[in-house]
Amino acid sequence: MTEMTIEAIVRKASKIMDSSWRTEYEERREELERMFAEYGDRAYGAWIQRFMVPVFAHLAEEGYQAKAGFNRSDSVENWGPPEERERCAWYVIKGSDGEPVGSMILQVYHSHRSFRLPRAPRLFALPETDKEAIVAALSRAGTRVRWDRKEERLTELEESGIEAPRWEYATDVSLGDCLRPEDDAQLHSWSLDEMLSHWGRYGWELVNVVARADGRTIAFFKRPA
């Protein structure tokens, strides 16, 4: 068997999971909602266990080895509000020779308030296979939040019964350019005024400024969504 890259393995697995998670969710939703009401987040673990079955069956058919199911200790959940928490679980994929090829990451967004899926789950690949290295990679936002990965949002706040104001956020990493002295060694406010006004005319409000250790200054803006 010709070994595939971890990226190719996960791409094929994703096609299977894209169907299986939805089937399990739609066919067992009432059961999962009752389970959540009684046992809380365990309902998500049961759901993951079920929809990953065909994924691991496919991997076995292809000659790859992976620890099936859902092991909470092989996952981290550090991000997002309780209505849309993000958990990443990892599965180390081994080839026919038993050597690790890479890791398959399952990214699941879920609510702690009720059994609700704000976004569709996704699979992506990591070259890391050691637990500490995987956790370190996942701690970098760029690993998990990617502009080139398709995102499917499933439910909006209105559908979940949550009434709350919505905010849209954005950042600007060029604020520090306006805080540097000019050639005459003077610090002029007009460039900073212009930069902030440029954001303001589109409804953005400056809410915070953070100075990084590397000297960069990040401005945080928000406006009603």
C-alpha atoms as a PDB file:
ATOM      1  CA  MET A   1       0.000   0.000   0.000  1.00  0.00           C
ATOM      2  CA  THR A   2       1.285   3.446  -0.920  1.00  0.00           C
ATOM      3  CA  GLU A   3       1.148   5.646   2.150  1.00  0.00           C
ATOM      4  CA  MET A   4      -0.796   8.888   1.732  1.00  0.00           C
ATOM      5  CA  THR A   5       0.018  12.145   3.457  1.00  0.00           C
ATOM      6  CA  ILE A   6      -1.958  12.978   6.587  1.00  0.00           C
ATOM      7  CA  GLU A   7      -3.649  15.784   4.638  1.00  0.00           C
ATOM      8  CA  ALA A   8      -4.885  13.353   1.973  1.00  0.00           C
ATOM      9  CA  ILE A   9      -6.043  10.857   4.603  1.00  0.00           C
ATOM     10  CA  VAL A  10      -8.049  13.510   6.437  1.00  0.00           C
ATOM     11  CA  ARG A  11      -9.579  14.885   3.227  1.00  0.00           C
ATOM     12  CA  LYS A  12     -11.044  11.456   2.443  1.00  0.00           C
ATOM     13  CA  ALA A  13     -12.195  10.996   6.036  1.00  0.00           C
ATOM     14  CA  SER A  14     -13.895  14.407   5.957  1.00  0.00           C
ATOM     15  CA  LYS A  15     -16.123  13.378   3.064  1.00  0.00           C
ATOM     16  CA  ILE A  16     -17.430  10.473   5.135  1.00  0.00           C
ATOM     17  CA  MET A  17     -17.857  12.496   8.316  1.00  0.00           C
ATOM     18  CA  ASP A  18     -19.694  15.296   6.498  1.00  0.00           C
ATOM     19  CA  SER A  19     -22.518  12.817   5.957  1.00  0.00           C
ATOM     20  CA  SER A  20     -22.342  10.722   9.125  1.00  0.00           C
ATOM     21  CA  TRP A  21     -22.480  13.561  11.674  1.00  0.00           C
ATOM     22  CA  ARG A  22     -25.599  15.013  10.070  1.00  0.00           C
ATOM     23  CA  THR A  23     -27.356  11.650   9.886  1.00  0.00           C
ATOM     24  CA  GLU A  24     -26.726  10.931  13.562  1.00  0.00           C
ATOM     25  CA  TYR A  25     -27.768  14.451  14.545  1.00  0.00           C
ATOM     26  CA  GLU A  26     -31.022  14.451  12.592  1.00  0.00           C
ATOM     27  CA  GLU A  27     -32.079  10.876  13.400  1.00  0.00           C
ATOM     28  CA  ARG A  28     -31.207  10.964  17.115  1.00  0.00           C
ATOM     29  CA  ARG A  29     -31.724  14.612  17.976  1.00  0.00           C
ATOM     30  CA  GLU A  30     -34.591  14.076  20.423  1.00  0.00           C
ATOM     31  CA  GLU A  31     -32.676  11.280  22.144  1.00  0.00           C
ATOM     32  CA  LEU A  32     -29.563  13.465  22.380  1.00  0.00           C
ATOM     33  CA  GLU A  33     -31.573  16.385  23.767  1.00  0.00           C
ATOM     34  CA  ARG A  34     -33.008  14.136  26.489  1.00  0.00           C
ATOM     35  CA  MET A  35     -29.530  12.815  27.231  1.00  0.00           C
ATOM     36  CA  PHE A  36     -28.187  16.366  27.537  1.00  0.00           C
ATOM     37  CA  ALA A  37     -30.994  17.315  29.929  1.00  0.00           C
ATOM     38  CA  GLU A  38     -29.988  14.416  32.180  1.00  0.00           C
ATOM     39  CA  TYR A  39     -26.225  14.092  31.713  1.00  0.00           C
ATOM     40  CA  GLY A  40     -25.083  17.384  30.213  1.00  0.00           C
ATOM     41  CA  ASP A  41     -22.085  17.407  27.877  1.00  0.00           C
ATOM     42  CA  ARG A  42     -21.864  13.614  27.831  1.00  0.00           C
ATOM     43  CA  ALA A  43     -24.490  13.782  25.101  1.00  0.00           C
ATOM     44  CA  TYR A  44     -21.946  15.329  22.741  1.00  0.00           C
ATOM     45  CA  GLY A  45     -19.486  12.535  23.497  1.00  0.00           C
ATOM     46  CA  ALA A  46     -22.139   9.927  22.659  1.00  0.00           C
ATOM     47  CA  TRP A  47     -22.946  11.741  19.419  1.00  0.00           C
ATOM     48  CA  ILE A  48     -19.263  11.886  18.436  1.00  0.00           C
ATOM     49  CA  GLN A  49     -18.809   8.186  19.232  1.00  0.00           C
ATOM     50  CA  ARG A  50     -21.608   7.327  16.819  1.00  0.00           C
ATOM     51  CA  PHE A  51     -20.833   9.542  13.864  1.00  0.00           C
ATOM     52  CA  MET A  52     -17.122   8.687  13.890  1.00  0.00           C
ATOM     53  CA  VAL A  53     -17.792   4.933  13.470  1.00  0.00           C
ATOM     54  CA  PRO A  54     -17.852   5.015   9.631  1.00  0.00           C
ATOM     55  CA  VAL A  55     -14.763   7.239   9.627  1.00  0.00           C
ATOM     56  CA  PHE A  56     -12.704   4.690  11.551  1.00  0.00           C
ATOM     57  CA  ALA A  57     -14.137   1.852   9.467  1.00  0.00           C
ATOM     58  CA  HIS A  58     -12.901   3.665   6.362  1.00  0.00           C
ATOM     59  CA  LEU A  59      -9.446   4.194   7.867  1.00  0.00           C
ATOM     60  CA  ALA A  60      -9.201   0.493   8.717  1.00  0.00           C
ATOM     61  CA  GLU A  61     -10.186  -0.460   5.168  1.00  0.00           C
ATOM     62  CA  GLU A  62      -7.433   1.817   3.885  1.00  0.00           C
ATOM     63  CA  GLY A  63      -4.912   0.068   6.122  1.00  0.00           C
ATOM     64  CA  TYR A  64      -4.526   2.809   8.736  1.00  0.00           C
ATOM     65  CA  GLN A  65      -4.710   2.461  12.497  1.00  0.00           C
ATOM     66  CA  ALA A  66      -6.335   4.905  14.913  1.00  0.00           C
ATOM     67  CA  LYS A  67      -7.842   4.766  18.377  1.00  0.00           C
ATOM     68  CA  ALA A  68     -11.578   4.850  17.699  1.00  0.00           C
ATOM     69  CA  GLY A  69     -14.335   6.551  19.665  1.00  0.00           C
ATOM     70  CA  PHE A  70     -14.006   9.702  21.743  1.00  0.00           C
ATOM     71  CA  ASN A  71     -11.524  10.009  24.596  1.00  0.00           C
ATOM     72  CA  ARG A  72     -11.999  13.216  26.572  1.00  0.00           C
ATOM     73  CA  SER A  73      -8.362  13.162  27.689  1.00  0.00           C
ATOM     74  CA  ASP A  74      -7.329  13.353  24.024  1.00  0.00           C
ATOM     75  CA  SER A  75      -9.082  16.665  23.542  1.00  0.00           C
ATOM     76  CA  VAL A  76      -9.014  20.276  24.688  1.00  0.00           C
ATOM     77  CA  GLU A  77     -11.788  22.830  25.118  1.00  0.00           C
ATOM     78  CA  ASN A  78     -10.460  26.301  25.847  1.00  0.00           C
ATOM     79  CA  TRP A  79     -12.268  28.631  23.487  1.00  0.00           C
ATOM     80  CA  GLY A  80     -15.531  30.483  23.069  1.00  0.00           C
ATOM     81  CA  PRO A  81     -18.603  31.497  25.099  1.00  0.00           C
ATOM     82  CA  PRO A  82     -20.788  28.807  26.731  1.00  0.00           C
ATOM     83  CA  GLU A  83     -23.273  29.089  23.864  1.00  0.00           C
ATOM     84  CA  GLU A  84     -20.571  28.222  21.315  1.00  0.00           C
ATOM     85  CA  ARG A  85     -17.672  26.349  22.884  1.00  0.00           C
ATOM     86  CA  GLU A  86     -14.980  24.863  20.692  1.00  0.00           C
ATOM     87  CA  ARG A  87     -13.521  21.441  21.488  1.00  0.00           C
ATOM     88  CA  CYS A  88     -10.724  19.842  19.485  1.00  0.00           C
ATOM     89  CA  ALA A  89     -10.158  16.087  19.776  1.00  0.00           C
ATOM     90  CA  TRP A  90      -7.187  14.386  18.170  1.00  0.00           C
ATOM     91  CA  TYR A  91      -6.622  10.958  16.688  1.00  0.00           C
ATOM     92  CA  VAL A  92      -3.078   9.864  15.884  1.00  0.00           C
ATOM     93  CA  ILE A  93      -3.110   8.014  12.558  1.00  0.00           C
ATOM     94  CA  LYS A  94      -0.614   5.184  12.069  1.00  0.00           C
ATOM     95  CA  GLY A  95       0.363   3.471   8.851  1.00  0.00           C
ATOM     96  CA  SER A  96       0.424  -0.252   8.150  1.00  0.00           C
ATOM     97  CA  ASP A  97       3.892  -0.408   9.723  1.00  0.00           C
ATOM     98  CA  GLY A  98       2.570   1.060  12.984  1.00  0.00           C
ATOM     99  CA  GLU A  99       4.471   4.312  12.559  1.00  0.00           C
ATOM    100  CA  PRO A 100       2.587   7.603  13.096  1.00  0.00           C
ATOM    101  CA  VAL A 101       1.684   9.467   9.910  1.00  0.00           C
ATOM    102  CA  GLY A 102       0.156  12.510  11.594  1.00  0.00           C
ATOM    103  CA  SER A 103      -2.935  13.494  13.556  1.00  0.00           C
ATOM    104  CA  MET A 104      -6.553  13.953  12.543  1.00  0.00           C
ATOM    105  CA  ILE A 105      -8.223  16.761  14.498  1.00  0.00           C
ATOM    106  CA  LEU A 106     -11.971  16.834  15.076  1.00  0.00           C
ATOM    107  CA  GLN A 107     -13.216  20.376  15.687  1.00  0.00           C
ATOM    108  CA  VAL A 108     -16.659  20.545  17.313  1.00  0.00           C
ATOM    109  CA  TYR A 109     -18.606  23.673  18.248  1.00  0.00           C
ATOM    110  CA  HIS A 110     -21.353  23.116  20.810  1.00  0.00           C
ATOM    111  CA  SER A 111     -23.489  24.811  23.442  1.00  0.00           C
ATOM    112  CA  HIS A 112     -23.348  24.223  27.187  1.00  0.00           C
ATOM    113  CA  ARG A 113     -26.884  25.598  27.566  1.00  0.00           C
ATOM    114  CA  SER A 114     -28.696  22.952  25.526  1.00  0.00           C
ATOM    115  CA  PHE A 115     -27.920  20.324  22.911  1.00  0.00           C
ATOM    116  CA  ARG A 116     -27.244  22.727  20.067  1.00  0.00           C
ATOM    117  CA  LEU A 117     -24.673  22.833  17.274  1.00  0.00           C
ATOM    118  CA  PRO A 118     -23.796  26.398  16.237  1.00  0.00           C
ATOM    119  CA  ARG A 119     -21.502  25.150  13.444  1.00  0.00           C
ATOM    120  CA  ALA A 120     -20.889  21.927  11.582  1.00  0.00           C
ATOM    121  CA  PRO A 121     -17.981  19.815  12.907  1.00  0.00           C
ATOM    122  CA  ARG A 122     -14.808  19.679  10.829  1.00  0.00           C
ATOM    123  CA  LEU A 123     -11.723  17.528  10.436  1.00  0.00           C
ATOM    124  CA  PHE A 124      -8.273  18.896   9.709  1.00  0.00           C
ATOM    125  CA  ALA A 125      -4.753  17.500   9.706  1.00  0.00           C
ATOM    126  CA  LEU A 126      -1.703  18.174  11.851  1.00  0.00           C
ATOM    127  CA  PRO A 127       1.777  16.723  11.356  1.00  0.00           C
ATOM    128  CA  GLU A 128       2.307  16.566  15.135  1.00  0.00           C
ATOM    129  CA  THR A 129       1.680  13.227  16.869  1.00  0.00           C
ATOM    130  CA  ASP A 130       2.947  13.855  20.416  1.00  0.00           C
ATOM    131  CA  LYS A 131       0.267  15.072  22.852  1.00  0.00           C
ATOM    132  CA  GLU A 132       2.227  18.097  24.057  1.00  0.00           C
ATOM    133  CA  ALA A 133       3.069  19.097  20.493  1.00  0.00           C
ATOM    134  CA  ILE A 134      -0.570  18.705  19.416  1.00  0.00           C
ATOM    135  CA  VAL A 135      -1.829  20.849  22.310  1.00  0.00           C
ATOM    136  CA  ALA A 136       0.822  23.477  21.537  1.00  0.00           C
ATOM    137  CA  ALA A 137      -0.236  23.548  17.876  1.00  0.00           C
ATOM    138  CA  LEU A 138      -3.915  23.869  18.786  1.00  0.00           C
ATOM    139  CA  SER A 139      -3.125  26.732  21.154  1.00  0.00           C
ATOM    140  CA  ARG A 140      -2.133  28.792  18.106  1.00  0.00           C
ATOM    141  CA  ALA A 141      -5.290  30.417  16.773  1.00  0.00           C
ATOM    142  CA  GLY A 142      -4.041  30.152  13.195  1.00  0.00           C
ATOM    143  CA  THR A 143      -4.131  26.359  13.465  1.00  0.00           C
ATOM    144  CA  ARG A 144      -7.851  26.255  14.260  1.00  0.00           C
ATOM    145  CA  VAL A 145      -9.215  29.459  12.719  1.00  0.00           C
ATOM    146  CA  ARG A 146      -8.542  29.413   8.995  1.00  0.00           C
ATOM    147  CA  TRP A 147      -9.965  31.635   6.260  1.00  0.00           C
ATOM    148  CA  ASP A 148      -9.513  28.857   3.689  1.00  0.00           C
ATOM    149  CA  ARG A 149     -11.695  26.307   5.490  1.00  0.00           C
ATOM    150  CA  LYS A 150     -15.373  26.305   4.635  1.00  0.00           C
ATOM    151  CA  GLU A 151     -17.580  26.994   7.632  1.00  0.00           C
ATOM    152  CA  GLU A 152     -21.205  25.928   7.876  1.00  0.00           C
ATOM    153  CA  ARG A 153     -23.177  27.808  10.518  1.00  0.00           C
ATOM    154  CA  LEU A 154     -26.165  25.741  11.587  1.00  0.00           C
ATOM    155  CA  THR A 155     -28.220  27.816  14.021  1.00  0.00           C
ATOM    156  CA  GLU A 156     -28.564  31.508  14.718  1.00  0.00           C
ATOM    157  CA  LEU A 157     -29.177  33.065  18.123  1.00  0.00           C
ATOM    158  CA  GLU A 158     -32.867  33.635  17.401  1.00  0.00           C
ATOM    159  CA  GLU A 159     -33.368  29.914  16.782  1.00  0.00           C
ATOM    160  CA  SER A 160     -31.664  29.036  20.059  1.00  0.00           C
ATOM    161  CA  GLY A 161     -33.904  31.332  22.098  1.00  0.00           C
ATOM    162  CA  ILE A 162     -31.017  33.594  23.118  1.00  0.00           C
ATOM    163  CA  GLU A 163     -31.892  37.283  23.153  1.00  0.00           C
ATOM    164  CA  ALA A 164     -28.754  39.377  23.285  1.00  0.00           C
ATOM    165  CA  PRO A 165     -27.202  42.269  21.381  1.00  0.00           C
ATOM    166  CA  ARG A 166     -24.782  41.229  18.670  1.00  0.00           C
ATOM    167  CA  TRP A 167     -21.376  42.728  18.109  1.00  0.00           C
ATOM    168  CA  GLU A 168     -18.922  42.499  15.270  1.00  0.00           C
ATOM    169  CA  TYR A 169     -15.212  42.816  16.073  1.00  0.00           C
ATOM    170  CA  ALA A 170     -12.134  43.686  14.056  1.00  0.00           C
ATOM    171  CA  THR A 171      -8.469  44.396  14.737  1.00  0.00           C
ATOM    172  CA  ASP A 172      -5.894  46.720  13.230  1.00  0.00           C
ATOM    173  CA  VAL A 173      -2.196  45.972  13.686  1.00  0.00           C
ATOM    174  CA  SER A 174      -1.021  49.245  12.127  1.00  0.00           C
ATOM    175  CA  LEU A 175      -1.940  51.561  15.005  1.00  0.00           C
ATOM    176  CA  GLY A 176       1.684  51.679  16.120  1.00  0.00           C
ATOM    177  CA  ASP A 177       2.612  53.345  12.822  1.00  0.00           C
ATOM    178  CA  CYS A 178       0.680  56.416  13.984  1.00  0.00           C
ATOM    179  CA  LEU A 179       2.518  56.526  17.311  1.00  0.00           C
ATOM    180  CA  ARG A 180       6.046  56.792  15.943  1.00  0.00           C
ATOM    181  CA  PRO A 181       7.791  60.194  15.886  1.00  0.00           C
ATOM    182  CA  GLU A 182       8.086  61.829  12.467  1.00  0.00           C
ATOM    183  CA  ASP A 183      11.353  62.946  10.875  1.00  0.00           C
ATOM    184  CA  ASP A 184      11.267  66.099  12.983  1.00  0.00           C
ATOM    185  CA  ALA A 185      11.168  63.915  16.141  1.00  0.00           C
ATOM    186  CA  GLN A 186       7.674  65.200  16.893  1.00  0.00           C
ATOM    187  CA  LEU A 187       4.651  63.040  17.596  1.00  0.00           C
ATOM    188  CA  HIS A 188       1.742  64.424  15.581  1.00  0.00           C
ATOM    189  CA  SER A 189      -1.824  63.535  16.484  1.00  0.00           C
ATOM    190  CA  TRP A 190      -3.303  64.174  13.051  1.00  0.00           C
ATOM    191  CA  SER A 191      -2.203  60.794  11.650  1.00  0.00           C
ATOM    192  CA  LEU A 192      -3.742  58.986  14.616  1.00  0.00           C
ATOM    193  CA  ASP A 193      -6.901  61.086  14.299  1.00  0.00           C
ATOM    194  CA  GLU A 194      -7.157  60.185  10.625  1.00  0.00           C
ATOM    195  CA  MET A 195      -6.633  56.492  11.260  1.00  0.00           C
ATOM    196  CA  LEU A 196      -9.298  56.328  13.993  1.00  0.00           C
ATOM    197  CA  SER A 197     -11.713  58.483  11.994  1.00  0.00           C
ATOM    198  CA  HIS A 198     -11.285  56.141   9.046  1.00  0.00           C
ATOM    199  CA  TRP A 199     -12.650  53.309  11.197  1.00  0.00           C
ATOM    200  CA  GLY A 200     -15.237  55.545  12.848  1.00  0.00           C
ATOM    201  CA  ARG A 201     -16.893  56.641   9.629  1.00  0.00           C
ATOM    202  CA  TYR A 202     -17.873  53.014   9.053  1.00  0.00           C
ATOM    203  CA  GLY A 203     -19.392  52.637  12.508  1.00  0.00           C
ATOM    204  CA  TRP A 204     -16.423  51.048  14.297  1.00  0.00           C
ATOM    205  CA  GLU A 205     -15.641  52.069  17.892  1.00  0.00           C
ATOM    206  CA  LEU A 206     -12.177  51.680  19.416  1.00  0.00           C
ATOM    207  CA  VAL A 207     -12.576  49.585  22.582  1.00  0.00           C
ATOM    208  CA  ASN A 208      -9.041  48.553  23.520  1.00  0.00           C
ATOM    209  CA  VAL A 209      -5.369  48.859  22.614  1.00  0.00           C
ATOM    210  CA  VAL A 210      -2.772  46.206  23.434  1.00  0.00           C
ATOM    211  CA  ALA A 211       0.989  46.671  23.154  1.00  0.00           C
ATOM    212  CA  ARG A 212       2.760  43.431  22.279  1.00  0.00           C
ATOM    213  CA  ALA A 213       6.180  42.453  23.555  1.00  0.00           C
ATOM    214  CA  ASP A 214       7.539  42.654  20.000  1.00  0.00           C
ATOM    215  CA  GLY A 215       6.641  46.342  19.812  1.00  0.00           C
ATOM    216  CA  ARG A 216       3.515  45.952  17.683  1.00  0.00           C
ATOM    217  CA  THR A 217       0.361  47.710  18.843  1.00  0.00           C
ATOM    218  CA  ILE A 218      -3.028  46.119  18.195  1.00  0.00           C
ATOM    219  CA  ALA A 219      -6.245  48.142  18.170  1.00  0.00           C
ATOM    220  CA  PHE A 220      -9.568  46.403  18.852  1.00  0.00           C
ATOM    221  CA  PHE A 221     -12.775  47.784  17.349  1.00  0.00           C
ATOM    222  CA  LYS A 222     -16.418  46.792  17.596  1.00  0.00           C
ATOM    223  CA  ARG A 223     -19.754  47.818  16.124  1.00  0.00           C
ATOM    224  CA  PRO A 224     -23.309  46.460  16.272  1.00  0.00           C
ATOM    225  CA  ALA A 225     -23.641  43.432  14.000  1.00  0.00           C
END
